[in-house]
Amino acid sequence: MTFYHGTSSELVKLGDRLLPPGETGVLREVGRQKNLDVVFATSSLSMAVGYANTTARNHGGDPVIYKVSGKFRPWKNKVGTTIFVASVADIVEKI
């Protein structure tokens, strides 16, 4: 399965790895204090585009989408889920 991560060029301070907000101190969703120990990804490219656009709108910069890999597991155990989490994610390529 292919995983994508949408973000903003304003928040990109990384090499080849995405770390969770608890380690970077960068909160993509203002006011959110849960799930600070995981990196989110989606199996849906269109959802990643939506996340990137929202993040760019909220934080400035341009939307950025990465294809990522890692030990992802479903965020919620629902059939057909498209949202996954991992403790870290490696950037495979910029889309």
N, C-alpha and C. Protein backbone atom coordinates (compact mmCIF):
# COMPACT_ATOMS: atom_id res chain seq x y z
N MET A 1 0.85 -1.17 0.00
CA MET A 1 0.00 0.00 0.00
C MET A 1 0.90 1.24 0.00
N THR A 2 0.48 2.25 -0.70
CA THR A 2 1.21 3.52 -0.76
C THR A 2 0.62 4.48 0.26
N PHE A 3 1.50 5.18 0.99
CA PHE A 3 1.08 6.15 1.99
C PHE A 3 1.55 7.54 1.60
N TYR A 4 0.72 8.55 1.89
CA TYR A 4 1.02 9.95 1.57
C TYR A 4 0.88 10.80 2.83
N HIS A 5 1.65 11.87 2.88
CA HIS A 5 1.58 12.83 3.99
C HIS A 5 1.51 14.23 3.40
N GLY A 6 0.46 14.97 3.73
CA GLY A 6 0.30 16.33 3.24
C GLY A 6 0.69 17.33 4.30
N THR A 7 1.47 18.34 3.91
CA THR A 7 1.93 19.36 4.85
C THR A 7 2.13 20.69 4.12
N SER A 8 2.84 21.60 4.74
CA SER A 8 3.12 22.91 4.16
C SER A 8 4.62 23.12 4.07
N SER A 9 5.06 23.82 3.04
CA SER A 9 6.49 24.12 2.90
C SER A 9 6.99 24.94 4.09
N GLU A 10 6.09 25.63 4.76
CA GLU A 10 6.44 26.44 5.92
C GLU A 10 6.83 25.56 7.12
N LEU A 11 6.33 24.33 7.15
CA LEU A 11 6.59 23.44 8.28
C LEU A 11 7.67 22.41 7.98
N VAL A 12 8.18 22.40 6.79
CA VAL A 12 9.16 21.38 6.40
C VAL A 12 10.54 21.79 6.91
N LYS A 13 10.99 21.09 7.95
CA LYS A 13 12.33 21.31 8.51
C LYS A 13 12.96 19.94 8.69
N LEU A 14 13.08 19.21 7.66
CA LEU A 14 13.48 17.83 7.80
C LEU A 14 14.40 17.38 6.69
N GLY A 15 15.01 16.27 6.94
CA GLY A 15 15.83 15.66 5.92
C GLY A 15 15.01 14.63 5.19
N ASP A 16 15.15 13.39 5.60
CA ASP A 16 14.45 12.31 4.92
C ASP A 16 13.46 11.60 5.84
N ARG A 17 13.10 12.25 6.95
CA ARG A 17 12.25 11.60 7.94
C ARG A 17 11.23 12.58 8.53
N LEU A 18 10.03 12.06 8.79
CA LEU A 18 8.99 12.83 9.49
C LEU A 18 8.91 12.30 10.91
N LEU A 19 8.95 13.23 11.87
CA LEU A 19 8.86 12.87 13.28
C LEU A 19 7.54 13.40 13.85
N PRO A 20 7.06 12.80 14.93
CA PRO A 20 5.79 13.25 15.51
C PRO A 20 5.91 14.63 16.16
N PRO A 21 4.78 15.32 16.32
CA PRO A 21 4.78 16.66 16.90
C PRO A 21 5.39 16.74 18.29
N GLY A 22 5.27 15.67 19.07
CA GLY A 22 5.85 15.66 20.41
C GLY A 22 7.36 15.80 20.38
N GLU A 23 7.99 15.38 19.29
CA GLU A 23 9.44 15.49 19.15
C GLU A 23 9.86 16.78 18.45
N THR A 24 9.05 17.25 17.53
CA THR A 24 9.43 18.44 16.75
C THR A 24 8.89 19.73 17.35
N GLY A 25 7.83 19.63 18.13
CA GLY A 25 7.20 20.83 18.68
C GLY A 25 6.33 21.56 17.67
N VAL A 26 6.15 20.99 16.49
CA VAL A 26 5.35 21.61 15.44
C VAL A 26 3.96 20.97 15.41
N LEU A 27 2.94 21.75 15.79
CA LEU A 27 1.56 21.27 15.76
C LEU A 27 0.91 21.73 14.47
N ARG A 28 0.52 20.81 13.63
CA ARG A 28 -0.11 21.17 12.37
C ARG A 28 -1.55 21.60 12.57
N GLU A 29 -2.18 21.07 13.62
CA GLU A 29 -3.56 21.45 13.92
C GLU A 29 -3.57 22.20 15.24
N VAL A 30 -3.80 23.49 15.18
CA VAL A 30 -3.77 24.35 16.36
C VAL A 30 -4.78 23.87 17.38
N GLY A 31 -4.35 23.78 18.63
CA GLY A 31 -5.24 23.37 19.71
C GLY A 31 -5.32 21.87 19.91
N ARG A 32 -4.78 21.09 19.00
CA ARG A 32 -4.86 19.64 19.13
C ARG A 32 -3.75 19.15 20.06
N GLN A 33 -4.12 18.48 21.13
CA GLN A 33 -3.14 18.01 22.11
C GLN A 33 -3.09 16.49 22.21
N LYS A 34 -3.76 15.79 21.31
CA LYS A 34 -3.74 14.33 21.32
C LYS A 34 -2.89 13.84 20.15
N ASN A 35 -2.48 12.60 20.24
CA ASN A 35 -1.72 11.93 19.17
C ASN A 35 -0.42 12.66 18.84
N LEU A 36 0.26 13.18 19.85
CA LEU A 36 1.50 13.90 19.63
C LEU A 36 2.69 12.97 19.45
N ASP A 37 2.44 11.65 19.56
CA ASP A 37 3.52 10.68 19.46
C ASP A 37 3.50 9.90 18.14
N VAL A 38 2.70 10.34 17.19
CA VAL A 38 2.60 9.63 15.91
C VAL A 38 2.63 10.59 14.73
N VAL A 39 3.01 10.04 13.59
CA VAL A 39 2.97 10.73 12.30
C VAL A 39 1.77 10.15 11.55
N PHE A 40 0.96 11.03 10.99
CA PHE A 40 -0.21 10.59 10.24
C PHE A 40 0.12 10.46 8.76
N ALA A 41 -0.54 9.52 8.11
CA ALA A 41 -0.45 9.36 6.67
C ALA A 41 -1.79 8.84 6.18
N THR A 42 -2.00 8.94 4.90
CA THR A 42 -3.23 8.43 4.30
C THR A 42 -2.89 7.61 3.07
N SER A 43 -3.75 6.68 2.76
CA SER A 43 -3.58 5.89 1.54
C SER A 43 -4.29 6.56 0.36
N SER A 44 -4.91 7.70 0.61
CA SER A 44 -5.65 8.43 -0.41
C SER A 44 -4.88 9.68 -0.83
N LEU A 45 -4.44 9.73 -2.06
CA LEU A 45 -3.72 10.91 -2.55
C LEU A 45 -4.60 12.15 -2.48
N SER A 46 -5.87 12.03 -2.79
CA SER A 46 -6.75 13.20 -2.73
C SER A 46 -6.90 13.72 -1.31
N MET A 47 -6.92 12.84 -0.31
CA MET A 47 -6.97 13.29 1.08
C MET A 47 -5.67 14.00 1.46
N ALA A 48 -4.54 13.48 1.00
CA ALA A 48 -3.25 14.13 1.28
C ALA A 48 -3.21 15.53 0.69
N VAL A 49 -3.76 15.69 -0.51
CA VAL A 49 -3.84 17.01 -1.14
C VAL A 49 -4.68 17.94 -0.27
N GLY A 50 -5.80 17.45 0.23
CA GLY A 50 -6.66 18.24 1.11
C GLY A 50 -5.95 18.65 2.39
N TYR A 51 -5.23 17.70 3.02
CA TYR A 51 -4.47 18.01 4.24
C TYR A 51 -3.39 19.05 3.94
N ALA A 52 -2.70 18.91 2.82
CA ALA A 52 -1.64 19.85 2.45
C ALA A 52 -2.21 21.25 2.23
N ASN A 53 -3.33 21.34 1.54
CA ASN A 53 -3.96 22.64 1.30
C ASN A 53 -4.41 23.30 2.60
N THR A 54 -5.02 22.52 3.49
CA THR A 54 -5.47 23.06 4.77
C THR A 54 -4.28 23.52 5.61
N THR A 55 -3.23 22.72 5.65
CA THR A 55 -2.05 23.08 6.43
C THR A 55 -1.40 24.35 5.88
N ALA A 56 -1.30 24.45 4.55
CA ALA A 56 -0.72 25.66 3.94
C ALA A 56 -1.59 26.89 4.23
N ARG A 57 -2.89 26.71 4.18
CA ARG A 57 -3.80 27.82 4.47
C ARG A 57 -3.66 28.27 5.93
N ASN A 58 -3.49 27.32 6.86
CA ASN A 58 -3.41 27.64 8.28
C ASN A 58 -2.04 28.13 8.73
N HIS A 59 -0.98 27.68 8.05
CA HIS A 59 0.38 27.97 8.50
C HIS A 59 1.20 28.76 7.49
N GLY A 60 0.65 29.01 6.31
CA GLY A 60 1.40 29.70 5.27
C GLY A 60 2.21 28.71 4.45
N GLY A 61 2.89 29.22 3.46
CA GLY A 61 3.69 28.38 2.58
C GLY A 61 2.85 27.72 1.50
N ASP A 62 3.47 26.81 0.81
CA ASP A 62 2.82 26.07 -0.28
C ASP A 62 2.51 24.65 0.16
N PRO A 63 1.44 24.06 -0.37
CA PRO A 63 1.13 22.67 -0.06
C PRO A 63 2.25 21.74 -0.55
N VAL A 64 2.57 20.77 0.28
CA VAL A 64 3.61 19.78 -0.05
C VAL A 64 3.04 18.39 0.25
N ILE A 65 3.25 17.46 -0.67
CA ILE A 65 2.80 16.09 -0.46
C ILE A 65 3.98 15.16 -0.63
N TYR A 66 4.15 14.28 0.35
CA TYR A 66 5.21 13.28 0.31
C TYR A 66 4.62 11.89 0.21
N LYS A 67 5.29 11.05 -0.54
CA LYS A 67 5.04 9.62 -0.45
C LYS A 67 5.95 9.14 0.67
N VAL A 68 5.40 8.40 1.65
CA VAL A 68 6.17 8.00 2.83
C VAL A 68 6.07 6.50 3.06
N SER A 69 7.01 6.01 3.86
CA SER A 69 6.98 4.60 4.27
C SER A 69 7.26 4.53 5.76
N GLY A 70 6.85 3.46 6.36
CA GLY A 70 7.06 3.26 7.80
C GLY A 70 6.23 2.10 8.29
N LYS A 71 6.26 1.89 9.56
CA LYS A 71 5.47 0.82 10.19
C LYS A 71 4.09 1.36 10.52
N PHE A 72 3.32 1.64 9.48
CA PHE A 72 2.00 2.23 9.66
C PHE A 72 0.97 1.19 10.08
N ARG A 73 0.07 1.65 10.92
CA ARG A 73 -1.07 0.83 11.34
C ARG A 73 -2.33 1.69 11.20
N PRO A 74 -3.49 1.09 11.06
CA PRO A 74 -4.71 1.89 10.95
C PRO A 74 -4.89 2.76 12.20
N TRP A 75 -5.28 4.01 11.98
CA TRP A 75 -5.50 4.92 13.10
C TRP A 75 -6.68 4.44 13.93
N LYS A 76 -7.73 4.08 13.28
CA LYS A 76 -8.89 3.52 13.96
C LYS A 76 -9.21 2.20 13.27
N ASN A 77 -9.56 1.22 14.05
CA ASN A 77 -9.82 -0.11 13.50
C ASN A 77 -11.19 -0.18 12.84
N LYS A 78 -11.28 0.48 11.69
CA LYS A 78 -12.53 0.45 10.92
C LYS A 78 -12.22 -0.12 9.54
N VAL A 79 -13.11 -0.91 9.05
CA VAL A 79 -12.96 -1.47 7.72
C VAL A 79 -12.89 -0.34 6.70
N GLY A 80 -11.92 -0.40 5.81
CA GLY A 80 -11.80 0.60 4.75
C GLY A 80 -11.14 1.89 5.18
N THR A 81 -10.50 1.91 6.35
CA THR A 81 -9.86 3.14 6.81
C THR A 81 -8.79 3.61 5.82
N THR A 82 -8.64 4.91 5.71
CA THR A 82 -7.61 5.48 4.83
C THR A 82 -6.61 6.32 5.62
N ILE A 83 -6.73 6.33 6.95
CA ILE A 83 -5.83 7.11 7.80
C ILE A 83 -5.01 6.14 8.64
N PHE A 84 -3.70 6.35 8.64
CA PHE A 84 -2.76 5.46 9.31
C PHE A 84 -1.79 6.27 10.16
N VAL A 85 -1.18 5.63 11.16
CA VAL A 85 -0.21 6.29 12.02
C VAL A 85 1.03 5.41 12.18
N ALA A 86 2.16 6.07 12.46
CA ALA A 86 3.41 5.38 12.75
C ALA A 86 4.22 6.28 13.67
N SER A 87 5.19 5.69 14.36
CA SER A 87 6.00 6.49 15.28
C SER A 87 6.95 7.42 14.52
N VAL A 88 7.36 7.05 13.33
CA VAL A 88 8.15 7.88 12.42
C VAL A 88 7.81 7.46 11.00
N ALA A 89 8.15 8.30 10.04
CA ALA A 89 7.92 7.95 8.63
C ALA A 89 9.12 8.42 7.82
N ASP A 90 9.53 7.59 6.90
CA ASP A 90 10.61 7.95 5.99
C ASP A 90 10.02 8.53 4.72
N ILE A 91 10.60 9.62 4.26
CA ILE A 91 10.15 10.24 3.01
C ILE A 91 10.73 9.46 1.85
N VAL A 92 9.85 8.99 0.99
CA VAL A 92 10.27 8.23 -0.19
C VAL A 92 10.49 9.20 -1.36
N GLU A 93 9.52 10.10 -1.55
CA GLU A 93 9.64 11.11 -2.60
C GLU A 93 8.64 12.23 -2.40
N LYS A 94 8.96 13.37 -2.97
CA LYS A 94 8.04 14.51 -2.97
C LYS A 94 7.17 14.36 -4.20
N ILE A 95 5.86 14.49 -4.03
CA ILE A 95 4.91 14.34 -5.15
C ILE A 95 4.68 15.70 -5.79
